[in-house]
């Protein structure tokens, strides 16, 4: 069995940087509609990213965003089965504060809350609020995130933290009450150091790759990193879907979005990723892909086709050893989720787990 989830569009216009793609603001009403629709069709999880500064351009791409922690706290009492993941960066929060917030959201949701941990590589986002630690942070960000995560885990397990590390200094800090159950952790680290962090601390990894071959390579890297630690975190693929009645119909949508590509927003995105001095992670790959091909799709690619084409692709990914599931984004989230639930899910070989 594999899981399917939705990557919520908490930034305006989602993951397409174009003037001719569906345009929408990240309102709570929209997030609620998407999550309730996803829950109705049996999807397993919803995840909200963290973003403090957008890429600009004509569409002001991701200049408008909403906070993931408060979003999931708002969704927790009005949902019943879907898992809710909020993204957290150690540059935004003290780990004790996150531990306290997570405990209550988890209680309200009945044990359906989890955290997506990001190291926080976006210099412009954190510099604007005085939280950037300097460009040398690019080199030690996962060490910093590791200490942050250790404190979280101690807090949830014992309710009291004494921790004297290189970056955090906490003395006899009371963190009660503790969560009743386990709070899942996810991370998308793709560099060797990022994968090591996932292997050490995460329950799930958002891996790289669109094809089954690329997903298999990503899963294999994580398995090799985790084996020596005796851990087996699952891997989620991520896929942006552009669906039509036929493959040709879906391709016409892509042509429309490509004609309206917001070059200013793409340039803003490439500029931000290029600030990252690391060369072995996703930042360099994203920047390079958009320099080579000014694509309106975040990361440069989308899965394009009819419901059958989409289902065939997802079935191939689900069959890859180590794949726990796929996180989905859409050009139009409400229409796309409706089509996914009614037309794609009946064609899937590995149906979502329930509850």
C-alpha atoms as a PDB file:
ATOM      1  CA  UNK A   1       0.000   0.000   0.000  1.00  0.00           C
ATOM      2  CA  UNK A   2       1.171   3.533  -0.723  1.00  0.00           C
ATOM      3  CA  UNK A   3      -0.107   6.917   0.344  1.00  0.00           C
ATOM      4  CA  UNK A   4      -1.131   9.902  -1.719  1.00  0.00           C
ATOM      5  CA  UNK A   5      -1.190  13.444  -0.441  1.00  0.00           C
ATOM      6  CA  UNK A   6      -1.541  17.031  -1.567  1.00  0.00           C
ATOM      7  CA  UNK A   7       1.047  19.803  -1.369  1.00  0.00           C
ATOM      8  CA  UNK A   8      -1.167  22.737  -0.411  1.00  0.00           C
ATOM      9  CA  UNK A   9      -0.878  25.994  -2.406  1.00  0.00           C
ATOM     10  CA  UNK A  10      -0.144  28.250   0.571  1.00  0.00           C
ATOM     11  CA  UNK A  11       1.605  30.622  -1.863  1.00  0.00           C
ATOM     12  CA  UNK A  12      -0.352  32.393  -4.589  1.00  0.00           C
ATOM     13  CA  UNK A  13      -0.743  30.457  -7.851  1.00  0.00           C
ATOM     14  CA  UNK A  14       0.833  27.274  -6.532  1.00  0.00           C
ATOM     15  CA  UNK A  15       3.723  25.752  -8.457  1.00  0.00           C
ATOM     16  CA  UNK A  16       3.281  27.359 -11.879  1.00  0.00           C
ATOM     17  CA  UNK A  17       4.974  30.677 -12.656  1.00  0.00           C
ATOM     18  CA  UNK A  18       2.783  31.917 -15.492  1.00  0.00           C
ATOM     19  CA  UNK A  19       0.272  34.632 -16.296  1.00  0.00           C
ATOM     20  CA  UNK A  20      -1.902  32.163 -18.227  1.00  0.00           C
ATOM     21  CA  UNK A  21      -2.171  29.397 -15.617  1.00  0.00           C
ATOM     22  CA  UNK A  22      -4.964  29.413 -13.000  1.00  0.00           C
ATOM     23  CA  UNK A  23      -4.523  32.438 -10.724  1.00  0.00           C
ATOM     24  CA  UNK A  24      -5.546  32.233  -7.073  1.00  0.00           C
ATOM     25  CA  UNK A  25      -4.776  33.641  -3.662  1.00  0.00           C
ATOM     26  CA  UNK A  26      -3.812  31.334  -0.747  1.00  0.00           C
ATOM     27  CA  UNK A  27      -6.948  31.949   1.289  1.00  0.00           C
ATOM     28  CA  UNK A  28      -8.038  29.741   4.157  1.00  0.00           C
ATOM     29  CA  UNK A  29     -11.252  29.020   2.265  1.00  0.00           C
ATOM     30  CA  UNK A  30      -9.229  27.569  -0.611  1.00  0.00           C
ATOM     31  CA  UNK A  31      -7.033  25.450   1.676  1.00  0.00           C
ATOM     32  CA  UNK A  32     -10.101  24.129   3.476  1.00  0.00           C
ATOM     33  CA  UNK A  33     -11.815  23.255   0.205  1.00  0.00           C
ATOM     34  CA  UNK A  34      -8.731  21.378  -1.021  1.00  0.00           C
ATOM     35  CA  UNK A  35      -8.179  19.446   2.216  1.00  0.00           C
ATOM     36  CA  UNK A  36     -11.836  18.503   2.594  1.00  0.00           C
ATOM     37  CA  UNK A  37     -11.895  17.317  -1.013  1.00  0.00           C
ATOM     38  CA  UNK A  38      -8.690  15.339  -0.491  1.00  0.00           C
ATOM     39  CA  UNK A  39     -10.090  13.743   2.652  1.00  0.00           C
ATOM     40  CA  UNK A  40     -13.335  12.901   0.859  1.00  0.00           C
ATOM     41  CA  UNK A  41     -11.444  10.946  -1.789  1.00  0.00           C
ATOM     42  CA  UNK A  42      -9.286   9.116   0.729  1.00  0.00           C
ATOM     43  CA  UNK A  43      -5.974  10.899   0.303  1.00  0.00           C
ATOM     44  CA  UNK A  44      -3.716  10.331   3.268  1.00  0.00           C
ATOM     45  CA  UNK A  45      -2.036  13.651   3.943  1.00  0.00           C
ATOM     46  CA  UNK A  46      -1.796  17.362   3.238  1.00  0.00           C
ATOM     47  CA  UNK A  47       1.407  19.369   3.620  1.00  0.00           C
ATOM     48  CA  UNK A  48       1.929  23.121   3.832  1.00  0.00           C
ATOM     49  CA  UNK A  49       5.276  24.728   2.979  1.00  0.00           C
ATOM     50  CA  UNK A  50       6.886  27.683   4.738  1.00  0.00           C
ATOM     51  CA  UNK A  51       7.586  30.814   2.701  1.00  0.00           C
ATOM     52  CA  UNK A  52       8.303  34.381   3.805  1.00  0.00           C
ATOM     53  CA  UNK A  53       9.282  36.116   0.567  1.00  0.00           C
ATOM     54  CA  UNK A  54       8.216  35.497  -3.002  1.00  0.00           C
ATOM     55  CA  UNK A  55       9.873  35.658  -6.411  1.00  0.00           C
ATOM     56  CA  UNK A  56       8.037  38.708  -7.739  1.00  0.00           C
ATOM     57  CA  UNK A  57       7.527  39.134 -11.457  1.00  0.00           C
ATOM     58  CA  UNK A  58       4.278  40.112 -13.112  1.00  0.00           C
ATOM     59  CA  UNK A  59       2.325  37.575 -11.052  1.00  0.00           C
ATOM     60  CA  UNK A  60       4.079  38.451  -7.759  1.00  0.00           C
ATOM     61  CA  UNK A  61       4.686  34.730  -7.440  1.00  0.00           C
ATOM     62  CA  UNK A  62       4.601  33.588  -3.794  1.00  0.00           C
ATOM     63  CA  UNK A  63       4.598  37.174  -2.577  1.00  0.00           C
ATOM     64  CA  UNK A  64       1.332  36.198  -0.879  1.00  0.00           C
ATOM     65  CA  UNK A  65       1.618  33.284   1.559  1.00  0.00           C
ATOM     66  CA  UNK A  66      -0.009  31.982   4.717  1.00  0.00           C
ATOM     67  CA  UNK A  67       1.567  30.392   7.783  1.00  0.00           C
ATOM     68  CA  UNK A  68       1.615  26.564   7.864  1.00  0.00           C
ATOM     69  CA  UNK A  69       1.420  26.036  11.636  1.00  0.00           C
ATOM     70  CA  UNK A  70      -1.627  28.219  12.159  1.00  0.00           C
ATOM     71  CA  UNK A  71      -3.173  26.770   8.992  1.00  0.00           C
ATOM     72  CA  UNK A  72      -2.913  23.216  10.287  1.00  0.00           C
ATOM     73  CA  UNK A  73      -4.173  24.269  13.715  1.00  0.00           C
ATOM     74  CA  UNK A  74      -7.223  25.708  11.925  1.00  0.00           C
ATOM     75  CA  UNK A  75      -7.757  22.585   9.801  1.00  0.00           C
ATOM     76  CA  UNK A  76      -7.281  20.084  12.631  1.00  0.00           C
ATOM     77  CA  UNK A  77     -10.762  20.367  14.230  1.00  0.00           C
ATOM     78  CA  UNK A  78     -12.641  20.389  10.903  1.00  0.00           C
ATOM     79  CA  UNK A  79     -11.020  17.245   9.450  1.00  0.00           C
ATOM     80  CA  UNK A  80     -11.127  13.690  10.719  1.00  0.00           C
ATOM     81  CA  UNK A  81      -8.829  11.297   8.846  1.00  0.00           C
ATOM     82  CA  UNK A  82      -6.229  13.157   6.800  1.00  0.00           C
ATOM     83  CA  UNK A  83      -2.707  13.674   8.175  1.00  0.00           C
ATOM     84  CA  UNK A  84      -1.674  17.327   8.473  1.00  0.00           C
ATOM     85  CA  UNK A  85       1.984  18.326   8.022  1.00  0.00           C
ATOM     86  CA  UNK A  86       3.263  21.838   8.713  1.00  0.00           C
ATOM     87  CA  UNK A  87       6.720  23.019   7.653  1.00  0.00           C
ATOM     88  CA  UNK A  88       9.102  24.414  10.268  1.00  0.00           C
ATOM     89  CA  UNK A  89      12.514  26.054   9.912  1.00  0.00           C
ATOM     90  CA  UNK A  90      14.940  26.400  12.850  1.00  0.00           C
ATOM     91  CA  UNK A  91      15.589  29.976  11.737  1.00  0.00           C
ATOM     92  CA  UNK A  92      11.941  30.848  12.387  1.00  0.00           C
ATOM     93  CA  UNK A  93      11.245  29.217  15.738  1.00  0.00           C
ATOM     94  CA  UNK A  94      12.812  28.149  18.996  1.00  0.00           C
ATOM     95  CA  UNK A  95      12.552  24.328  19.215  1.00  0.00           C
ATOM     96  CA  UNK A  96      10.791  24.504  22.597  1.00  0.00           C
ATOM     97  CA  UNK A  97       8.087  26.706  21.092  1.00  0.00           C
ATOM     98  CA  UNK A  98       7.640  24.252  18.204  1.00  0.00           C
ATOM     99  CA  UNK A  99       7.414  21.330  20.643  1.00  0.00           C
ATOM    100  CA  UNK A 100       4.627  23.094  22.541  1.00  0.00           C
ATOM    101  CA  UNK A 101       2.711  24.119  19.426  1.00  0.00           C
ATOM    102  CA  UNK A 102       2.963  20.651  17.898  1.00  0.00           C
ATOM    103  CA  UNK A 103       1.680  18.943  21.048  1.00  0.00           C
ATOM    104  CA  UNK A 104      -1.542  20.932  21.004  1.00  0.00           C
ATOM    105  CA  UNK A 105      -2.183  20.637  17.254  1.00  0.00           C
ATOM    106  CA  UNK A 106      -1.576  16.903  17.548  1.00  0.00           C
ATOM    107  CA  UNK A 107      -4.077  16.684  20.407  1.00  0.00           C
ATOM    108  CA  UNK A 108      -6.726  18.669  18.540  1.00  0.00           C
ATOM    109  CA  UNK A 109      -6.259  16.511  15.432  1.00  0.00           C
ATOM    110  CA  UNK A 110      -6.393  13.234  17.340  1.00  0.00           C
ATOM    111  CA  UNK A 111      -2.824  12.283  16.483  1.00  0.00           C
ATOM    112  CA  UNK A 112      -2.872  13.386  12.837  1.00  0.00           C
ATOM    113  CA  UNK A 113      -0.199  16.082  12.994  1.00  0.00           C
ATOM    114  CA  UNK A 114       3.354  15.941  11.676  1.00  0.00           C
ATOM    115  CA  UNK A 115       6.209  18.326  10.912  1.00  0.00           C
ATOM    116  CA  UNK A 116       8.189  18.861   7.726  1.00  0.00           C
ATOM    117  CA  UNK A 117      11.648  20.063   8.782  1.00  0.00           C
ATOM    118  CA  UNK A 118      13.598  22.380   6.485  1.00  0.00           C
ATOM    119  CA  UNK A 119      17.007  23.822   7.287  1.00  0.00           C
ATOM    120  CA  UNK A 120      16.136  27.257   5.922  1.00  0.00           C
ATOM    121  CA  UNK A 121      18.358  28.047   2.936  1.00  0.00           C
ATOM    122  CA  UNK A 122      16.493  31.104   1.623  1.00  0.00           C
ATOM    123  CA  UNK A 123      18.750  34.023   2.488  1.00  0.00           C
ATOM    124  CA  UNK A 124      16.384  36.798   1.371  1.00  0.00           C
ATOM    125  CA  UNK A 125      13.518  35.399   3.451  1.00  0.00           C
ATOM    126  CA  UNK A 126      15.427  35.396   6.718  1.00  0.00           C
ATOM    127  CA  UNK A 127      17.680  38.404   6.116  1.00  0.00           C
ATOM    128  CA  UNK A 128      14.633  40.660   5.784  1.00  0.00           C
ATOM    129  CA  UNK A 129      13.614  39.828   9.356  1.00  0.00           C
ATOM    130  CA  UNK A 130      17.096  39.778  10.837  1.00  0.00           C
ATOM    131  CA  UNK A 131      17.149  35.992  11.280  1.00  0.00           C
ATOM    132  CA  UNK A 132      19.816  35.047   8.701  1.00  0.00           C
ATOM    133  CA  UNK A 133      22.931  33.686  10.413  1.00  0.00           C
ATOM    134  CA  UNK A 134      25.326  34.658   7.638  1.00  0.00           C
ATOM    135  CA  UNK A 135      26.280  32.916   4.410  1.00  0.00           C
ATOM    136  CA  UNK A 136      28.427  30.406   6.267  1.00  0.00           C
ATOM    137  CA  UNK A 137      25.085  28.960   7.438  1.00  0.00           C
ATOM    138  CA  UNK A 138      24.818  27.240   4.053  1.00  0.00           C
ATOM    139  CA  UNK A 139      27.657  24.993   5.182  1.00  0.00           C
ATOM    140  CA  UNK A 140      26.351  23.998   8.617  1.00  0.00           C
ATOM    141  CA  UNK A 141      22.580  24.262   8.256  1.00  0.00           C
ATOM    142  CA  UNK A 142      21.934  20.551   8.747  1.00  0.00           C
ATOM    143  CA  UNK A 143      24.112  20.498  11.847  1.00  0.00           C
ATOM    144  CA  UNK A 144      21.976  23.349  13.162  1.00  0.00           C
ATOM    145  CA  UNK A 145      18.768  21.531  12.187  1.00  0.00           C
ATOM    146  CA  UNK A 146      20.059  18.344  13.838  1.00  0.00           C
ATOM    147  CA  UNK A 147      20.422  20.044  17.214  1.00  0.00           C
ATOM    148  CA  UNK A 148      16.998  21.630  16.775  1.00  0.00           C
ATOM    149  CA  UNK A 149      15.498  18.194  16.065  1.00  0.00           C
ATOM    150  CA  UNK A 150      17.250  16.520  18.988  1.00  0.00           C
ATOM    151  CA  UNK A 151      15.673  19.089  21.308  1.00  0.00           C
ATOM    152  CA  UNK A 152      12.239  18.462  19.796  1.00  0.00           C
ATOM    153  CA  UNK A 153      12.537  14.723  20.323  1.00  0.00           C
ATOM    154  CA  UNK A 154      13.757  15.067  23.913  1.00  0.00           C
ATOM    155  CA  UNK A 155      10.933  17.489  24.688  1.00  0.00           C
ATOM    156  CA  UNK A 156       8.265  15.180  23.302  1.00  0.00           C
ATOM    157  CA  UNK A 157       9.695  12.116  25.021  1.00  0.00           C
ATOM    158  CA  UNK A 158      10.468  13.449  28.480  1.00  0.00           C
ATOM    159  CA  UNK A 159       8.830  16.861  28.859  1.00  0.00           C
ATOM    160  CA  UNK A 160      12.044  18.388  30.199  1.00  0.00           C
ATOM    161  CA  UNK A 161      15.123  19.445  28.255  1.00  0.00           C
ATOM    162  CA  UNK A 162      18.706  20.131  29.205  1.00  0.00           C
ATOM    163  CA  UNK A 163      20.810  20.511  26.081  1.00  0.00           C
ATOM    164  CA  UNK A 164      24.189  22.157  25.618  1.00  0.00           C
ATOM    165  CA  UNK A 165      25.170  22.048  21.975  1.00  0.00           C
ATOM    166  CA  UNK A 166      27.138  24.148  19.553  1.00  0.00           C
ATOM    167  CA  UNK A 167      24.102  26.211  18.542  1.00  0.00           C
ATOM    168  CA  UNK A 168      21.494  25.743  21.292  1.00  0.00           C
ATOM    169  CA  UNK A 169      21.890  26.075  25.042  1.00  0.00           C
ATOM    170  CA  UNK A 170      18.898  24.953  27.105  1.00  0.00           C
ATOM    171  CA  UNK A 171      18.897  24.315  30.838  1.00  0.00           C
ATOM    172  CA  UNK A 172      16.182  22.346  32.657  1.00  0.00           C
ATOM    173  CA  UNK A 173      13.403  23.556  30.357  1.00  0.00           C
ATOM    174  CA  UNK A 174       9.940  22.251  31.169  1.00  0.00           C
ATOM    175  CA  UNK A 175       7.897  21.204  28.116  1.00  0.00           C
ATOM    176  CA  UNK A 176       4.676  19.685  29.436  1.00  0.00           C
ATOM    177  CA  UNK A 177       2.344  18.112  28.539  1.00  0.00           C
ATOM    178  CA  UNK A 178       3.991  15.695  26.137  1.00  0.00           C
ATOM    179  CA  UNK A 179       2.229  14.303  23.049  1.00  0.00           C
ATOM    180  CA  UNK A 180       0.181  11.168  23.575  1.00  0.00           C
ATOM    181  CA  UNK A 181       1.597   9.457  20.496  1.00  0.00           C
ATOM    182  CA  UNK A 182       4.387   9.761  17.940  1.00  0.00           C
ATOM    183  CA  UNK A 183       4.625  12.928  15.821  1.00  0.00           C
ATOM    184  CA  UNK A 184       6.014  12.088  12.387  1.00  0.00           C
ATOM    185  CA  UNK A 185       8.921  14.069  10.962  1.00  0.00           C
ATOM    186  CA  UNK A 186       9.541  14.589   7.247  1.00  0.00           C
ATOM    187  CA  UNK A 187      12.441  16.228   5.431  1.00  0.00           C
ATOM    188  CA  UNK A 188      13.420  16.747   1.809  1.00  0.00           C
ATOM    189  CA  UNK A 189      17.206  16.923   2.143  1.00  0.00           C
ATOM    190  CA  UNK A 190      18.785  15.859  -1.138  1.00  0.00           C
ATOM    191  CA  UNK A 191      22.481  16.584  -0.609  1.00  0.00           C
ATOM    192  CA  UNK A 192      24.609  13.883   1.046  1.00  0.00           C
ATOM    193  CA  UNK A 193      24.394  15.797   4.337  1.00  0.00           C
ATOM    194  CA  UNK A 194      20.663  16.316   3.876  1.00  0.00           C
ATOM    195  CA  UNK A 195      20.077  12.619   3.272  1.00  0.00           C
ATOM    196  CA  UNK A 196      22.141  11.862   6.366  1.00  0.00           C
ATOM    197  CA  UNK A 197      19.824  14.081   8.384  1.00  0.00           C
ATOM    198  CA  UNK A 198      16.801  12.220   6.986  1.00  0.00           C
ATOM    199  CA  UNK A 199      18.397   8.869   7.770  1.00  0.00           C
ATOM    200  CA  UNK A 200      19.084   9.931  11.353  1.00  0.00           C
ATOM    201  CA  UNK A 201      15.853  11.668  12.301  1.00  0.00           C
ATOM    202  CA  UNK A 202      13.017  11.575   9.758  1.00  0.00           C
ATOM    203  CA  UNK A 203      10.188   9.104   9.377  1.00  0.00           C
ATOM    204  CA  UNK A 204       9.744  10.046   5.717  1.00  0.00           C
ATOM    205  CA  UNK A 205      11.768  11.658   2.965  1.00  0.00           C
ATOM    206  CA  UNK A 206      10.509  13.769   0.095  1.00  0.00           C
ATOM    207  CA  UNK A 207      12.786  12.395  -2.565  1.00  0.00           C
ATOM    208  CA  UNK A 208      13.794  13.729  -5.946  1.00  0.00           C
ATOM    209  CA  UNK A 209      12.895  12.532  -9.408  1.00  0.00           C
ATOM    210  CA  UNK A 210       9.855  12.337 -11.666  1.00  0.00           C
ATOM    211  CA  UNK A 211      10.390   9.046 -13.492  1.00  0.00           C
ATOM    212  CA  UNK A 212      10.386   5.629 -11.861  1.00  0.00           C
ATOM    213  CA  UNK A 213      14.104   5.365 -12.623  1.00  0.00           C
ATOM    214  CA  UNK A 214      14.878   8.662 -10.896  1.00  0.00           C
ATOM    215  CA  UNK A 215      12.715   7.746  -7.911  1.00  0.00           C
ATOM    216  CA  UNK A 216      14.467   4.379  -7.666  1.00  0.00           C
ATOM    217  CA  UNK A 217      17.861   6.106  -7.565  1.00  0.00           C
ATOM    218  CA  UNK A 218      16.692   8.533  -4.863  1.00  0.00           C
ATOM    219  CA  UNK A 219      15.208   5.703  -2.785  1.00  0.00           C
ATOM    220  CA  UNK A 220      18.396   3.673  -3.130  1.00  0.00           C
ATOM    221  CA  UNK A 221      20.566   6.560  -1.917  1.00  0.00           C
ATOM    222  CA  UNK A 222      18.369   6.977   1.157  1.00  0.00           C
ATOM    223  CA  UNK A 223      18.327   3.232   1.869  1.00  0.00           C
ATOM    224  CA  UNK A 224      22.116   3.068   1.704  1.00  0.00           C
ATOM    225  CA  UNK A 225      22.418   6.053   4.054  1.00  0.00           C
ATOM    226  CA  UNK A 226      19.904   4.601   6.519  1.00  0.00           C
ATOM    227  CA  UNK A 227      21.117   0.998   6.590  1.00  0.00           C
ATOM    228  CA  UNK A 228      24.084   1.622   8.868  1.00  0.00           C
ATOM    229  CA  UNK A 229      21.785   3.370  11.366  1.00  0.00           C
ATOM    230  CA  UNK A 230      19.247   0.568  11.464  1.00  0.00           C
ATOM    231  CA  UNK A 231      16.482   2.889  10.281  1.00  0.00           C
ATOM    232  CA  UNK A 232      14.135   2.634   7.288  1.00  0.00           C
ATOM    233  CA  UNK A 233      12.442   5.977   6.564  1.00  0.00           C
ATOM    234  CA  UNK A 234       9.920   5.836   3.740  1.00  0.00           C
ATOM    235  CA  UNK A 235      10.189   7.951   0.602  1.00  0.00           C
ATOM    236  CA  UNK A 236       7.563  10.154  -1.008  1.00  0.00           C
ATOM    237  CA  UNK A 237       7.885  11.278  -4.612  1.00  0.00           C
ATOM    238  CA  UNK A 238       6.517  14.684  -5.623  1.00  0.00           C
ATOM    239  CA  UNK A 239       4.617  15.266  -8.861  1.00  0.00           C
ATOM    240  CA  UNK A 240       2.900  18.261 -10.461  1.00  0.00           C
ATOM    241  CA  UNK A 241      -0.103  17.079 -12.486  1.00  0.00           C
ATOM    242  CA  UNK A 242      -1.545  18.772 -15.550  1.00  0.00           C
ATOM    243  CA  UNK A 243      -4.476  16.647 -16.688  1.00  0.00           C
ATOM    244  CA  UNK A 244      -6.792  16.758 -19.676  1.00  0.00           C
ATOM    245  CA  UNK A 245      -9.375  14.490 -21.253  1.00  0.00           C
ATOM    246  CA  UNK A 246      -6.615  13.228 -23.537  1.00  0.00           C
ATOM    247  CA  UNK A 247      -2.848  13.565 -23.646  1.00  0.00           C
ATOM    248  CA  UNK A 248      -3.242  16.138 -26.418  1.00  0.00           C
ATOM    249  CA  UNK A 249      -5.732  18.137 -24.364  1.00  0.00           C
ATOM    250  CA  UNK A 250      -3.312  18.232 -21.421  1.00  0.00           C
ATOM    251  CA  UNK A 251      -0.447  19.213 -23.740  1.00  0.00           C
ATOM    252  CA  UNK A 252      -2.475  22.193 -24.965  1.00  0.00           C
ATOM    253  CA  UNK A 253      -2.715  23.425 -21.364  1.00  0.00           C
ATOM    254  CA  UNK A 254       1.058  23.199 -21.032  1.00  0.00           C
ATOM    255  CA  UNK A 255       1.512  25.190 -24.247  1.00  0.00           C
ATOM    256  CA  UNK A 256      -0.812  27.863 -22.858  1.00  0.00           C
ATOM    257  CA  UNK A 257       1.075  28.066 -19.576  1.00  0.00           C
ATOM    258  CA  UNK A 258       4.412  28.169 -21.402  1.00  0.00           C
ATOM    259  CA  UNK A 259       3.271  31.134 -23.529  1.00  0.00           C
ATOM    260  CA  UNK A 260       2.524  33.053 -20.359  1.00  0.00           C
ATOM    261  CA  UNK A 261       5.671  32.128 -18.423  1.00  0.00           C
ATOM    262  CA  UNK A 262       6.464  34.849 -15.891  1.00  0.00           C
ATOM    263  CA  UNK A 263      10.114  35.427 -16.727  1.00  0.00           C
ATOM    264  CA  UNK A 264      10.536  37.950 -13.944  1.00  0.00           C
ATOM    265  CA  UNK A 265       9.353  35.426 -11.356  1.00  0.00           C
ATOM    266  CA  UNK A 266      11.555  32.693 -12.842  1.00  0.00           C
ATOM    267  CA  UNK A 267      14.543  35.024 -12.705  1.00  0.00           C
ATOM    268  CA  UNK A 268      13.721  35.846  -9.083  1.00  0.00           C
ATOM    269  CA  UNK A 269      13.572  32.159  -8.245  1.00  0.00           C
ATOM    270  CA  UNK A 270      16.868  31.372  -9.989  1.00  0.00           C
ATOM    271  CA  UNK A 271      18.516  34.309  -8.232  1.00  0.00           C
ATOM    272  CA  UNK A 272      17.385  33.054  -4.827  1.00  0.00           C
ATOM    273  CA  UNK A 273      18.506  29.480  -5.467  1.00  0.00           C
ATOM    274  CA  UNK A 274      21.821  30.753  -6.812  1.00  0.00           C
ATOM    275  CA  UNK A 275      22.579  32.351  -3.447  1.00  0.00           C
ATOM    276  CA  UNK A 276      23.004  28.854  -2.020  1.00  0.00           C
ATOM    277  CA  UNK A 277      26.716  28.080  -2.157  1.00  0.00           C
ATOM    278  CA  UNK A 278      26.106  24.324  -1.843  1.00  0.00           C
ATOM    279  CA  UNK A 279      26.589  22.509  -5.127  1.00  0.00           C
ATOM    280  CA  UNK A 280      25.437  19.019  -4.158  1.00  0.00           C
ATOM    281  CA  UNK A 281      21.819  19.674  -3.210  1.00  0.00           C
ATOM    282  CA  UNK A 282      18.554  20.652  -4.890  1.00  0.00           C
ATOM    283  CA  UNK A 283      19.238  24.400  -5.059  1.00  0.00           C
ATOM    284  CA  UNK A 284      21.909  24.109  -7.745  1.00  0.00           C
ATOM    285  CA  UNK A 285      19.780  21.651  -9.707  1.00  0.00           C
ATOM    286  CA  UNK A 286      16.680  23.872  -9.667  1.00  0.00           C
ATOM    287  CA  UNK A 287      18.672  26.957 -10.687  1.00  0.00           C
ATOM    288  CA  UNK A 288      20.402  25.078 -13.495  1.00  0.00           C
ATOM    289  CA  UNK A 289      17.180  23.577 -14.852  1.00  0.00           C
ATOM    290  CA  UNK A 290      15.465  26.960 -15.094  1.00  0.00           C
ATOM    291  CA  UNK A 291      18.503  28.630 -16.656  1.00  0.00           C
ATOM    292  CA  UNK A 292      18.584  25.955 -19.351  1.00  0.00           C
ATOM    293  CA  UNK A 293      14.814  25.942 -19.936  1.00  0.00           C
ATOM    294  CA  UNK A 294      12.649  28.860 -18.811  1.00  0.00           C
ATOM    295  CA  UNK A 295       9.820  26.611 -17.721  1.00  0.00           C
ATOM    296  CA  UNK A 296       6.719  27.856 -15.897  1.00  0.00           C
ATOM    297  CA  UNK A 297       6.760  24.718 -13.739  1.00  0.00           C
ATOM    298  CA  UNK A 298       8.579  24.784 -10.416  1.00  0.00           C
ATOM    299  CA  UNK A 299      11.546  22.457 -10.873  1.00  0.00           C
ATOM    300  CA  UNK A 300      11.053  22.506 -14.641  1.00  0.00           C
ATOM    301  CA  UNK A 301       8.770  19.525 -15.164  1.00  0.00           C
ATOM    302  CA  UNK A 302       5.196  18.319 -14.825  1.00  0.00           C
ATOM    303  CA  UNK A 303       3.356  15.049 -15.398  1.00  0.00           C
ATOM    304  CA  UNK A 304       1.115  15.818 -18.356  1.00  0.00           C
ATOM    305  CA  UNK A 305      -1.635  13.635 -19.766  1.00  0.00           C
ATOM    306  CA  UNK A 306      -4.977  11.926 -19.519  1.00  0.00           C
ATOM    307  CA  UNK A 307      -6.165  10.221 -16.318  1.00  0.00           C
ATOM    308  CA  UNK A 308      -4.885   6.908 -17.689  1.00  0.00           C
ATOM    309  CA  UNK A 309      -1.458   8.362 -18.475  1.00  0.00           C
ATOM    310  CA  UNK A 310      -1.257   9.868 -15.001  1.00  0.00           C
ATOM    311  CA  UNK A 311      -2.330   6.613 -13.357  1.00  0.00           C
ATOM    312  CA  UNK A 312       0.217   4.590 -15.350  1.00  0.00           C
ATOM    313  CA  UNK A 313       2.984   6.936 -14.211  1.00  0.00           C
ATOM    314  CA  UNK A 314       1.933   6.854 -10.563  1.00  0.00           C
ATOM    315  CA  UNK A 315       1.597   3.068 -10.633  1.00  0.00           C
ATOM    316  CA  UNK A 316       5.167   2.809 -11.929  1.00  0.00           C
ATOM    317  CA  UNK A 317       6.444   5.027  -9.100  1.00  0.00           C
ATOM    318  CA  UNK A 318       4.418   3.119  -6.491  1.00  0.00           C
ATOM    319  CA  UNK A 319       6.040  -0.134  -7.605  1.00  0.00           C
ATOM    320  CA  UNK A 320       9.563   1.181  -6.892  1.00  0.00           C
ATOM    321  CA  UNK A 321      10.994  -0.401  -3.709  1.00  0.00           C
ATOM    322  CA  UNK A 322      11.048   2.053  -0.820  1.00  0.00           C
ATOM    323  CA  UNK A 323       8.268   4.276  -2.170  1.00  0.00           C
ATOM    324  CA  UNK A 324       5.822   5.192   0.597  1.00  0.00           C
ATOM    325  CA  UNK A 325       3.704   7.364  -1.659  1.00  0.00           C
ATOM    326  CA  UNK A 326       3.454  10.474  -3.798  1.00  0.00           C
ATOM    327  CA  UNK A 327       2.715  14.084  -2.917  1.00  0.00           C
ATOM    328  CA  UNK A 328       0.667  15.808  -5.600  1.00  0.00           C
ATOM    329  CA  UNK A 329       0.352  19.359  -6.845  1.00  0.00           C
ATOM    330  CA  UNK A 330      -2.041  20.552  -9.547  1.00  0.00           C
ATOM    331  CA  UNK A 331      -2.387  23.436 -11.972  1.00  0.00           C
ATOM    332  CA  UNK A 332      -5.935  23.951 -10.696  1.00  0.00           C
ATOM    333  CA  UNK A 333      -6.175  22.363  -7.258  1.00  0.00           C
ATOM    334  CA  UNK A 334      -9.936  22.079  -6.863  1.00  0.00           C
ATOM    335  CA  UNK A 335     -10.640  20.827 -10.376  1.00  0.00           C
ATOM    336  CA  UNK A 336      -7.474  18.722 -10.385  1.00  0.00           C
ATOM    337  CA  UNK A 337      -8.282  16.997  -7.103  1.00  0.00           C
ATOM    338  CA  UNK A 338     -11.807  16.295  -8.303  1.00  0.00           C
ATOM    339  CA  UNK A 339     -10.493  14.633 -11.438  1.00  0.00           C
ATOM    340  CA  UNK A 340      -7.831  12.764  -9.505  1.00  0.00           C
ATOM    341  CA  UNK A 341     -10.401  11.385  -7.075  1.00  0.00           C
ATOM    342  CA  UNK A 342     -12.987  10.386  -9.655  1.00  0.00           C
ATOM    343  CA  UNK A 343     -10.894   9.460 -12.693  1.00  0.00           C
ATOM    344  CA  UNK A 344      -7.361   8.558 -11.584  1.00  0.00           C
ATOM    345  CA  UNK A 345      -7.806   6.777  -8.255  1.00  0.00           C
ATOM    346  CA  UNK A 346      -9.955   3.969  -9.740  1.00  0.00           C
ATOM    347  CA  UNK A 347      -7.006   3.213 -12.046  1.00  0.00           C
ATOM    348  CA  UNK A 348      -4.368   2.993  -9.316  1.00  0.00           C
ATOM    349  CA  UNK A 349      -2.874  -0.412  -8.514  1.00  0.00           C
ATOM    350  CA  UNK A 350      -1.815   0.604  -5.003  1.00  0.00           C
ATOM    351  CA  UNK A 351      -4.762   2.288  -3.328  1.00  0.00           C
ATOM    352  CA  UNK A 352      -4.201   4.789  -0.505  1.00  0.00           C
ATOM    353  CA  UNK A 353      -4.169   3.582   3.039  1.00  0.00           C
ATOM    354  CA  UNK A 354      -7.014   4.733   5.253  1.00  0.00           C
ATOM    355  CA  UNK A 355      -6.735   6.596   8.553  1.00  0.00           C
END
